[in-house]
Amino acid sequence: MSEVRTDEEKAQMYQAMLDGANVITSVLDADNEYGNDLTNEEKQERVLRSAGYLSSGTALEDWGSEDMTAINAAISAANAYEPDA
């Protein structure tokens, strides 16, 4: 039996997921200083770790009308990142 999340718990997780999507976007943006101290391999590790968390979150079925567009885009960008490219 799955645990029922409260609206507050969903809101907190949704915000954390948006923050995670922002981390991915920021790390992959060459014009952004965030993550520029990382090697390309370290960037890949960072974005894939965040993408894993986001993927787990989007798999939950009780989101209601939350917009997952930015989150799904970040997951796709993280999965497509090639460190040698």
PDB file of N, CA and C in Angstrom:
ATOM      1  N   MET A   1       0.845  -1.175   0.000  1.00  0.00           N
ATOM      2  CA  MET A   1       0.000   0.000   0.000  1.00  0.00           C
ATOM      3  C   MET A   1       0.892   1.240   0.000  1.00  0.00           C
ATOM      4  N   SER A   2       0.617   2.162  -0.905  1.00  0.00           N
ATOM      5  CA  SER A   2       1.446   3.351  -1.002  1.00  0.00           C
ATOM      6  C   SER A   2       0.989   4.423  -0.016  1.00  0.00           C
ATOM      7  N   GLU A   3       1.948   5.217   0.382  1.00  0.00           N
ATOM      8  CA  GLU A   3       1.682   6.301   1.320  1.00  0.00           C
ATOM      9  C   GLU A   3       1.058   7.479   0.585  1.00  0.00           C
ATOM     10  N   VAL A   4       0.069   8.103   1.196  1.00  0.00           N
ATOM     11  CA  VAL A   4      -0.589   9.261   0.606  1.00  0.00           C
ATOM     12  C   VAL A   4       0.181  10.512   1.022  1.00  0.00           C
ATOM     13  N   ARG A   5       0.574  11.302   0.021  1.00  0.00           N
ATOM     14  CA  ARG A   5       1.300  12.545   0.306  1.00  0.00           C
ATOM     15  C   ARG A   5       0.313  13.686   0.490  1.00  0.00           C
ATOM     16  N   THR A   6       0.664  14.589   1.389  1.00  0.00           N
ATOM     17  CA  THR A   6      -0.171  15.769   1.604  1.00  0.00           C
ATOM     18  C   THR A   6       0.122  16.775   0.489  1.00  0.00           C
ATOM     19  N   ASP A   7      -0.757  17.755   0.351  1.00  0.00           N
ATOM     20  CA  ASP A   7      -0.535  18.819  -0.637  1.00  0.00           C
ATOM     21  C   ASP A   7       0.768  19.554  -0.341  1.00  0.00           C
ATOM     22  N   GLU A   8       1.066  19.754   0.939  1.00  0.00           N
ATOM     23  CA  GLU A   8       2.300  20.438   1.319  1.00  0.00           C
ATOM     24  C   GLU A   8       3.526  19.610   0.913  1.00  0.00           C
ATOM     25  N   GLU A   9       3.467  18.312   1.128  1.00  0.00           N
ATOM     26  CA  GLU A   9       4.577  17.439   0.726  1.00  0.00           C
ATOM     27  C   GLU A   9       4.768  17.458  -0.790  1.00  0.00           C
ATOM     28  N   LYS A  10       3.669  17.441  -1.513  1.00  0.00           N
ATOM     29  CA  LYS A  10       3.761  17.507  -2.976  1.00  0.00           C
ATOM     30  C   LYS A  10       4.358  18.839  -3.419  1.00  0.00           C
ATOM     31  N   ALA A  11       3.926  19.922  -2.802  1.00  0.00           N
ATOM     32  CA  ALA A  11       4.430  21.248  -3.157  1.00  0.00           C
ATOM     33  C   ALA A  11       5.928  21.353  -2.865  1.00  0.00           C
ATOM     34  N   GLN A  12       6.364  20.822  -1.744  1.00  0.00           N
ATOM     35  CA  GLN A  12       7.783  20.854  -1.398  1.00  0.00           C
ATOM     36  C   GLN A  12       8.603  20.028  -2.387  1.00  0.00           C
ATOM     37  N   MET A  13       8.107  18.857  -2.744  1.00  0.00           N
ATOM     38  CA  MET A  13       8.847  18.018  -3.687  1.00  0.00           C
ATOM     39  C   MET A  13       8.851  18.643  -5.074  1.00  0.00           C
ATOM     40  N   TYR A  14       7.739  19.217  -5.477  1.00  0.00           N
ATOM     41  CA  TYR A  14       7.670  19.858  -6.786  1.00  0.00           C
ATOM     42  C   TYR A  14       8.685  20.999  -6.859  1.00  0.00           C
ATOM     43  N   GLN A  15       8.785  21.813  -5.813  1.00  0.00           N
ATOM     44  CA  GLN A  15       9.764  22.901  -5.795  1.00  0.00           C
ATOM     45  C   GLN A  15      11.180  22.338  -5.829  1.00  0.00           C
ATOM     46  N   ALA A  16      11.429  21.274  -5.095  1.00  0.00           N
ATOM     47  CA  ALA A  16      12.754  20.640  -5.122  1.00  0.00           C
ATOM     48  C   ALA A  16      13.068  20.112  -6.515  1.00  0.00           C
ATOM     49  N   MET A  17      12.061  19.594  -7.210  1.00  0.00           N
ATOM     50  CA  MET A  17      12.266  19.102  -8.567  1.00  0.00           C
ATOM     51  C   MET A  17      12.550  20.254  -9.528  1.00  0.00           C
ATOM     52  N   LEU A  18      11.857  21.370  -9.371  1.00  0.00           N
ATOM     53  CA  LEU A  18      12.145  22.546 -10.191  1.00  0.00           C
ATOM     54  C   LEU A  18      13.572  23.039  -9.935  1.00  0.00           C
ATOM     55  N   ASP A  19      13.982  22.998  -8.673  1.00  0.00           N
ATOM     56  CA  ASP A  19      15.350  23.384  -8.326  1.00  0.00           C
ATOM     57  C   ASP A  19      16.353  22.423  -8.978  1.00  0.00           C
ATOM     58  N   GLY A  20      16.028  21.131  -8.965  1.00  0.00           N
ATOM     59  CA  GLY A  20      16.888  20.140  -9.609  1.00  0.00           C
ATOM     60  C   GLY A  20      16.980  20.357 -11.107  1.00  0.00           C
ATOM     61  N   ALA A  21      15.866  20.706 -11.725  1.00  0.00           N
ATOM     62  CA  ALA A  21      15.869  21.010 -13.159  1.00  0.00           C
ATOM     63  C   ALA A  21      16.734  22.235 -13.429  1.00  0.00           C
ATOM     64  N   ASN A  22      16.676  23.213 -12.533  1.00  0.00           N
ATOM     65  CA  ASN A  22      17.502  24.406 -12.670  1.00  0.00           C
ATOM     66  C   ASN A  22      18.986  24.071 -12.539  1.00  0.00           C
ATOM     67  N   VAL A  23      19.329  23.146 -11.656  1.00  0.00           N
ATOM     68  CA  VAL A  23      20.720  22.709 -11.520  1.00  0.00           C
ATOM     69  C   VAL A  23      21.203  22.122 -12.842  1.00  0.00           C
ATOM     70  N   ILE A  24      20.403  21.240 -13.426  1.00  0.00           N
ATOM     71  CA  ILE A  24      20.780  20.627 -14.700  1.00  0.00           C
ATOM     72  C   ILE A  24      20.987  21.696 -15.765  1.00  0.00           C
ATOM     73  N   THR A  25      20.019  22.577 -15.897  1.00  0.00           N
ATOM     74  CA  THR A  25      20.093  23.635 -16.900  1.00  0.00           C
ATOM     75  C   THR A  25      21.319  24.520 -16.680  1.00  0.00           C
ATOM     76  N   SER A  26      21.584  24.868 -15.435  1.00  0.00           N
ATOM     77  CA  SER A  26      22.715  25.736 -15.114  1.00  0.00           C
ATOM     78  C   SER A  26      24.048  25.053 -15.384  1.00  0.00           C
ATOM     79  N   VAL A  27      24.175  23.794 -15.006  1.00  0.00           N
ATOM     80  CA  VAL A  27      25.423  23.070 -15.227  1.00  0.00           C
ATOM     81  C   VAL A  27      25.716  22.928 -16.715  1.00  0.00           C
ATOM     82  N   LEU A  28      24.676  22.695 -17.505  1.00  0.00           N
ATOM     83  CA  LEU A  28      24.868  22.468 -18.934  1.00  0.00           C
ATOM     84  C   LEU A  28      24.985  23.748 -19.748  1.00  0.00           C
ATOM     85  N   ASP A  29      24.701  24.895 -19.151  1.00  0.00           N
ATOM     86  CA  ASP A  29      24.784  26.179 -19.843  1.00  0.00           C
ATOM     87  C   ASP A  29      26.220  26.696 -19.785  1.00  0.00           C
ATOM     88  N   ALA A  30      26.923  26.631 -20.907  1.00  0.00           N
ATOM     89  CA  ALA A  30      28.326  27.049 -20.955  1.00  0.00           C
ATOM     90  C   ALA A  30      28.492  28.537 -20.644  1.00  0.00           C
ATOM     91  N   ASP A  31      27.459  29.332 -20.843  1.00  0.00           N
ATOM     92  CA  ASP A  31      27.527  30.764 -20.571  1.00  0.00           C
ATOM     93  C   ASP A  31      27.307  31.095 -19.095  1.00  0.00           C
ATOM     94  N   ASN A  32      26.956  30.086 -18.315  1.00  0.00           N
ATOM     95  CA  ASN A  32      26.680  30.261 -16.907  1.00  0.00           C
ATOM     96  C   ASN A  32      27.910  29.797 -16.128  1.00  0.00           C
ATOM     97  N   GLU A  33      28.329  30.534 -15.128  1.00  0.00           N
ATOM     98  CA  GLU A  33      29.514  30.160 -14.361  1.00  0.00           C
ATOM     99  C   GLU A  33      29.270  28.968 -13.440  1.00  0.00           C
ATOM    100  N   TYR A  34      28.019  28.655 -13.170  1.00  0.00           N
ATOM    101  CA  TYR A  34      27.710  27.543 -12.275  1.00  0.00           C
ATOM    102  C   TYR A  34      28.175  26.235 -12.909  1.00  0.00           C
ATOM    103  N   GLY A  35      29.013  25.527 -12.241  1.00  0.00           N
ATOM    104  CA  GLY A  35      29.479  24.240 -12.734  1.00  0.00           C
ATOM    105  C   GLY A  35      30.700  24.318 -13.631  1.00  0.00           C
ATOM    106  N   ASN A  36      31.192  25.531 -13.909  1.00  0.00           N
ATOM    107  CA  ASN A  36      32.364  25.649 -14.771  1.00  0.00           C
ATOM    108  C   ASN A  36      33.631  25.118 -14.111  1.00  0.00           C
ATOM    109  N   ASP A  37      33.601  24.910 -12.795  1.00  0.00           N
ATOM    110  CA  ASP A  37      34.755  24.337 -12.106  1.00  0.00           C
ATOM    111  C   ASP A  37      34.764  22.814 -12.190  1.00  0.00           C
ATOM    112  N   LEU A  38      33.753  22.240 -12.830  1.00  0.00           N
ATOM    113  CA  LEU A  38      33.659  20.786 -12.985  1.00  0.00           C
ATOM    114  C   LEU A  38      34.224  20.357 -14.327  1.00  0.00           C
ATOM    115  N   THR A  39      34.800  19.166 -14.357  1.00  0.00           N
ATOM    116  CA  THR A  39      35.193  18.593 -15.643  1.00  0.00           C
ATOM    117  C   THR A  39      33.918  18.169 -16.364  1.00  0.00           C
ATOM    118  N   ASN A  40      34.016  17.875 -17.638  1.00  0.00           N
ATOM    119  CA  ASN A  40      32.832  17.420 -18.384  1.00  0.00           C
ATOM    120  C   ASN A  40      32.276  16.126 -17.804  1.00  0.00           C
ATOM    121  N   GLU A  41      33.157  15.242 -17.345  1.00  0.00           N
ATOM    122  CA  GLU A  41      32.699  13.992 -16.734  1.00  0.00           C
ATOM    123  C   GLU A  41      31.978  14.262 -15.411  1.00  0.00           C
ATOM    124  N   GLU A  42      32.493  15.215 -14.631  1.00  0.00           N
ATOM    125  CA  GLU A  42      31.839  15.586 -13.377  1.00  0.00           C
ATOM    126  C   GLU A  42      30.485  16.240 -13.645  1.00  0.00           C
ATOM    127  N   LYS A  43      30.416  17.043 -14.710  1.00  0.00           N
ATOM    128  CA  LYS A  43      29.126  17.633 -15.088  1.00  0.00           C
ATOM    129  C   LYS A  43      28.123  16.530 -15.411  1.00  0.00           C
ATOM    130  N   GLN A  44      28.575  15.534 -16.171  1.00  0.00           N
ATOM    131  CA  GLN A  44      27.679  14.440 -16.529  1.00  0.00           C
ATOM    132  C   GLN A  44      27.191  13.712 -15.282  1.00  0.00           C
ATOM    133  N   GLU A  45      28.099  13.423 -14.353  1.00  0.00           N
ATOM    134  CA  GLU A  45      27.703  12.766 -13.106  1.00  0.00           C
ATOM    135  C   GLU A  45      26.668  13.599 -12.359  1.00  0.00           C
ATOM    136  N   ARG A  46      26.904  14.906 -12.269  1.00  0.00           N
ATOM    137  CA  ARG A  46      25.995  15.799 -11.542  1.00  0.00           C
ATOM    138  C   ARG A  46      24.612  15.818 -12.181  1.00  0.00           C
ATOM    139  N   VAL A  47      24.565  15.993 -13.511  1.00  0.00           N
ATOM    140  CA  VAL A  47      23.252  16.122 -14.155  1.00  0.00           C
ATOM    141  C   VAL A  47      22.521  14.787 -14.187  1.00  0.00           C
ATOM    142  N   LEU A  48      23.241  13.684 -14.326  1.00  0.00           N
ATOM    143  CA  LEU A  48      22.566  12.382 -14.322  1.00  0.00           C
ATOM    144  C   LEU A  48      22.031  12.043 -12.937  1.00  0.00           C
ATOM    145  N   ARG A  49      22.735  12.433 -11.897  1.00  0.00           N
ATOM    146  CA  ARG A  49      22.247  12.220 -10.526  1.00  0.00           C
ATOM    147  C   ARG A  49      20.951  13.011 -10.310  1.00  0.00           C
ATOM    148  N   SER A  50      20.964  14.272 -10.753  1.00  0.00           N
ATOM    149  CA  SER A  50      19.751  15.086 -10.633  1.00  0.00           C
ATOM    150  C   SER A  50      18.621  14.525 -11.487  1.00  0.00           C
ATOM    151  N   ALA A  51      18.950  14.074 -12.687  1.00  0.00           N
ATOM    152  CA  ALA A  51      17.931  13.510 -13.575  1.00  0.00           C
ATOM    153  C   ALA A  51      17.306  12.253 -12.970  1.00  0.00           C
ATOM    154  N   GLY A  52      18.100  11.466 -12.274  1.00  0.00           N
ATOM    155  CA  GLY A  52      17.560  10.272 -11.616  1.00  0.00           C
ATOM    156  C   GLY A  52      16.517  10.632 -10.569  1.00  0.00           C
ATOM    157  N   TYR A  53      16.829  11.655  -9.771  1.00  0.00           N
ATOM    158  CA  TYR A  53      15.877  12.133  -8.770  1.00  0.00           C
ATOM    159  C   TYR A  53      14.605  12.647  -9.440  1.00  0.00           C
ATOM    160  N   LEU A  54      14.780  13.423 -10.506  1.00  0.00           N
ATOM    161  CA  LEU A  54      13.618  13.980 -11.200  1.00  0.00           C
ATOM    162  C   LEU A  54      12.777  12.879 -11.835  1.00  0.00           C
ATOM    163  N   SER A  55      13.426  11.889 -12.401  1.00  0.00           N
ATOM    164  CA  SER A  55      12.692  10.778 -13.020  1.00  0.00           C
ATOM    165  C   SER A  55      11.864  10.023 -11.988  1.00  0.00           C
ATOM    166  N   SER A  56      12.454   9.805 -10.822  1.00  0.00           N
ATOM    167  CA  SER A  56      11.711   9.135  -9.743  1.00  0.00           C
ATOM    168  C   SER A  56      10.502   9.962  -9.333  1.00  0.00           C
ATOM    169  N   GLY A  57      10.692  11.272  -9.254  1.00  0.00           N
ATOM    170  CA  GLY A  57       9.599  12.152  -8.859  1.00  0.00           C
ATOM    171  C   GLY A  57       8.481  12.197  -9.881  1.00  0.00           C
ATOM    172  N   THR A  58       8.837  12.268 -11.166  1.00  0.00           N
ATOM    173  CA  THR A  58       7.794  12.345 -12.189  1.00  0.00           C
ATOM    174  C   THR A  58       7.025  11.034 -12.309  1.00  0.00           C
ATOM    175  N   ALA A  59       7.607   9.950 -11.832  1.00  0.00           N
ATOM    176  CA  ALA A  59       6.924   8.656 -11.894  1.00  0.00           C
ATOM    177  C   ALA A  59       5.780   8.553 -10.879  1.00  0.00           C
ATOM    178  N   LEU A  60       5.771   9.430  -9.893  1.00  0.00           N
ATOM    179  CA  LEU A  60       4.678   9.413  -8.918  1.00  0.00           C
ATOM    180  C   LEU A  60       3.387   9.829  -9.613  1.00  0.00           C
ATOM    181  N   GLU A  61       2.309   9.205  -9.245  1.00  0.00           N
ATOM    182  CA  GLU A  61       1.055   9.397  -9.980  1.00  0.00           C
ATOM    183  C   GLU A  61       0.072  10.358  -9.333  1.00  0.00           C
ATOM    184  N   ASP A  62       0.473  11.013  -8.259  1.00  0.00           N
ATOM    185  CA  ASP A  62      -0.479  11.866  -7.543  1.00  0.00           C
ATOM    186  C   ASP A  62      -0.225  13.355  -7.729  1.00  0.00           C
ATOM    187  N   TRP A  63       0.402  13.733  -8.832  1.00  0.00           N
ATOM    188  CA  TRP A  63       0.761  15.127  -9.037  1.00  0.00           C
ATOM    189  C   TRP A  63      -0.418  16.035  -9.365  1.00  0.00           C
ATOM    190  N   GLY A  64      -1.460  15.511  -9.909  1.00  0.00           N
ATOM    191  CA  GLY A  64      -2.574  16.383 -10.278  1.00  0.00           C
ATOM    192  C   GLY A  64      -2.205  17.221 -11.485  1.00  0.00           C
ATOM    193  N   SER A  65      -2.325  18.542 -11.366  1.00  0.00           N
ATOM    194  CA  SER A  65      -2.132  19.424 -12.528  1.00  0.00           C
ATOM    195  C   SER A  65      -0.758  20.094 -12.570  1.00  0.00           C
ATOM    196  N   GLU A  66       0.203  19.625 -11.793  1.00  0.00           N
ATOM    197  CA  GLU A  66       1.535  20.236 -11.813  1.00  0.00           C
ATOM    198  C   GLU A  66       2.144  20.099 -13.208  1.00  0.00           C
ATOM    199  N   ASP A  67       2.761  21.163 -13.696  1.00  0.00           N
ATOM    200  CA  ASP A  67       3.373  21.190 -15.017  1.00  0.00           C
ATOM    201  C   ASP A  67       4.782  20.616 -14.935  1.00  0.00           C
ATOM    202  N   MET A  68       5.002  19.513 -15.606  1.00  0.00           N
ATOM    203  CA  MET A  68       6.301  18.835 -15.579  1.00  0.00           C
ATOM    204  C   MET A  68       7.140  19.146 -16.821  1.00  0.00           C
ATOM    205  N   THR A  69       6.743  20.134 -17.616  1.00  0.00           N
ATOM    206  CA  THR A  69       7.435  20.436 -18.869  1.00  0.00           C
ATOM    207  C   THR A  69       8.915  20.743 -18.646  1.00  0.00           C
ATOM    208  N   ALA A  70       9.238  21.682 -17.775  1.00  0.00           N
ATOM    209  CA  ALA A  70      10.629  22.063 -17.525  1.00  0.00           C
ATOM    210  C   ALA A  70      11.410  20.907 -16.912  1.00  0.00           C
ATOM    211  N   ILE A  71      10.757  20.145 -16.077  1.00  0.00           N
ATOM    212  CA  ILE A  71      11.411  19.011 -15.425  1.00  0.00           C
ATOM    213  C   ILE A  71      11.734  17.935 -16.455  1.00  0.00           C
ATOM    214  N   ASN A  72      10.774  17.615 -17.305  1.00  0.00           N
ATOM    215  CA  ASN A  72      11.016  16.608 -18.348  1.00  0.00           C
ATOM    216  C   ASN A  72      12.075  17.068 -19.340  1.00  0.00           C
ATOM    217  N   ALA A  73      12.096  18.355 -19.661  1.00  0.00           N
ATOM    218  CA  ALA A  73      13.114  18.898 -20.565  1.00  0.00           C
ATOM    219  C   ALA A  73      14.504  18.771 -19.938  1.00  0.00           C
ATOM    220  N   ALA A  74      14.606  19.027 -18.647  1.00  0.00           N
ATOM    221  CA  ALA A  74      15.890  18.912 -17.954  1.00  0.00           C
ATOM    222  C   ALA A  74      16.361  17.460 -17.923  1.00  0.00           C
ATOM    223  N   ILE A  75      15.434  16.533 -17.696  1.00  0.00           N
ATOM    224  CA  ILE A  75      15.783  15.110 -17.709  1.00  0.00           C
ATOM    225  C   ILE A  75      16.329  14.729 -19.080  1.00  0.00           C
ATOM    226  N   SER A  76      15.657  15.157 -20.126  1.00  0.00           N
ATOM    227  CA  SER A  76      16.099  14.850 -21.497  1.00  0.00           C
ATOM    228  C   SER A  76      17.469  15.443 -21.779  1.00  0.00           C
ATOM    229  N   ALA A  77      17.682  16.686 -21.363  1.00  0.00           N
ATOM    230  CA  ALA A  77      18.967  17.342 -21.592  1.00  0.00           C
ATOM    231  C   ALA A  77      20.089  16.619 -20.842  1.00  0.00           C
ATOM    232  N   ALA A  78      19.819  16.214 -19.610  1.00  0.00           N
ATOM    233  CA  ALA A  78      20.826  15.493 -18.832  1.00  0.00           C
ATOM    234  C   ALA A  78      21.178  14.165 -19.474  1.00  0.00           C
ATOM    235  N   ASN A  79      20.149  13.440 -19.918  1.00  0.00           N
ATOM    236  CA  ASN A  79      20.388  12.136 -20.543  1.00  0.00           C
ATOM    237  C   ASN A  79      21.091  12.244 -21.890  1.00  0.00           C
ATOM    238  N   ALA A  80      20.938  13.370 -22.565  1.00  0.00           N
ATOM    239  CA  ALA A  80      21.546  13.563 -23.874  1.00  0.00           C
ATOM    240  C   ALA A  80      22.966  14.120 -23.781  1.00  0.00           C
ATOM    241  N   TYR A  81      23.365  14.600 -22.601  1.00  0.00           N
ATOM    242  CA  TYR A  81      24.672  15.240 -22.472  1.00  0.00           C
ATOM    243  C   TYR A  81      25.788  14.235 -22.712  1.00  0.00           C
ATOM    244  N   GLU A  82      26.676  14.587 -23.591  1.00  0.00           N
ATOM    245  CA  GLU A  82      27.863  13.780 -23.901  1.00  0.00           C
ATOM    246  C   GLU A  82      29.088  14.562 -23.433  1.00  0.00           C
ATOM    247  N   PRO A  83      29.826  14.062 -22.457  1.00  0.00           N
ATOM    248  CA  PRO A  83      30.933  14.828 -21.906  1.00  0.00           C
ATOM    249  C   PRO A  83      32.048  15.149 -22.905  1.00  0.00           C
ATOM    250  N   ASP A  84      32.200  14.369 -23.935  1.00  0.00           N
ATOM    251  CA  ASP A  84      33.270  14.613 -24.900  1.00  0.00           C
ATOM    252  C   ASP A  84      32.833  15.491 -26.062  1.00  0.00           C
ATOM    253  N   ALA A  85      31.558  15.888 -26.068  1.00  0.00           N
ATOM    254  CA  ALA A  85      31.043  16.670 -27.197  1.00  0.00           C
ATOM    255  C   ALA A  85      31.419  18.130 -27.079  1.00  0.00           C
TER     256      ALA A  85
END
